[in-house]
């Protein structure tokens, strides 16, 4: 019973740490991408080629 309780507490703490890390992370150069991104709007139905 003690091992199960300890596992539950440790698992919850690890899960909370993982969620916190995901919530506070951001992609590289997010602020730069906002400033230097495309200037013209693209229709939602338009297919965007990413170099392929």
Protein backbone atom coordinates (compact mmCIF):
# COMPACT_ATOMS: atom_id res chain seq x y z
CA UNK A 1 0.00 0.00 0.00
CA UNK A 2 2.83 2.37 0.87
CA UNK A 3 4.61 1.70 -2.44
CA UNK A 4 1.40 2.33 -4.40
CA UNK A 5 0.83 5.63 -2.59
CA UNK A 6 4.43 6.73 -3.14
CA UNK A 7 4.14 5.84 -6.85
CA UNK A 8 0.95 7.85 -7.16
CA UNK A 9 2.51 10.92 -5.52
CA UNK A 10 5.69 10.67 -7.60
CA UNK A 11 3.72 10.15 -10.82
CA UNK A 12 1.53 13.15 -10.12
CA UNK A 13 4.55 15.34 -9.41
CA UNK A 14 6.29 14.24 -12.60
CA UNK A 15 3.13 14.79 -14.65
CA UNK A 16 2.69 18.26 -13.17
CA UNK A 17 6.30 19.13 -14.00
CA UNK A 18 5.82 17.93 -17.59
CA UNK A 19 2.65 19.97 -18.04
CA UNK A 20 4.36 23.04 -16.62
CA UNK A 21 7.30 22.61 -19.02
CA UNK A 22 4.98 22.35 -22.03
CA UNK A 23 2.90 25.35 -20.99
CA UNK A 24 5.91 27.62 -20.44
CA UNK A 25 7.88 26.58 -23.52
CA UNK A 26 7.81 28.40 -26.83
CA UNK A 27 9.12 27.68 -30.28
CA UNK A 28 12.47 29.12 -31.37
CA UNK A 29 12.29 32.77 -32.41
CA UNK A 30 8.55 33.14 -31.84
CA UNK A 31 8.79 36.91 -31.55
CA UNK A 32 10.98 37.12 -34.66
CA UNK A 33 8.55 34.96 -36.66
CA UNK A 34 5.73 37.36 -35.82
CA UNK A 35 7.76 40.32 -37.11
CA UNK A 36 9.28 38.69 -40.21
CA UNK A 37 6.49 36.34 -41.25
CA UNK A 38 4.52 36.51 -44.51
CA UNK A 39 2.93 39.88 -45.18
CA UNK A 40 0.09 38.75 -47.45
CA UNK A 41 -2.87 36.69 -46.34
CA UNK A 42 -3.29 33.15 -47.65
CA UNK A 43 -6.73 31.68 -48.29
CA UNK A 44 -7.50 28.71 -46.01
CA UNK A 45 -8.18 26.50 -49.06
CA UNK A 46 -4.81 27.30 -50.70
CA UNK A 47 -2.15 24.59 -50.56
CA UNK A 48 1.12 25.90 -49.12
CA UNK A 49 4.32 24.30 -50.44
CA UNK A 50 7.10 24.22 -47.90
CA UNK A 51 10.03 23.83 -50.31
CA UNK A 52 8.74 20.56 -51.76
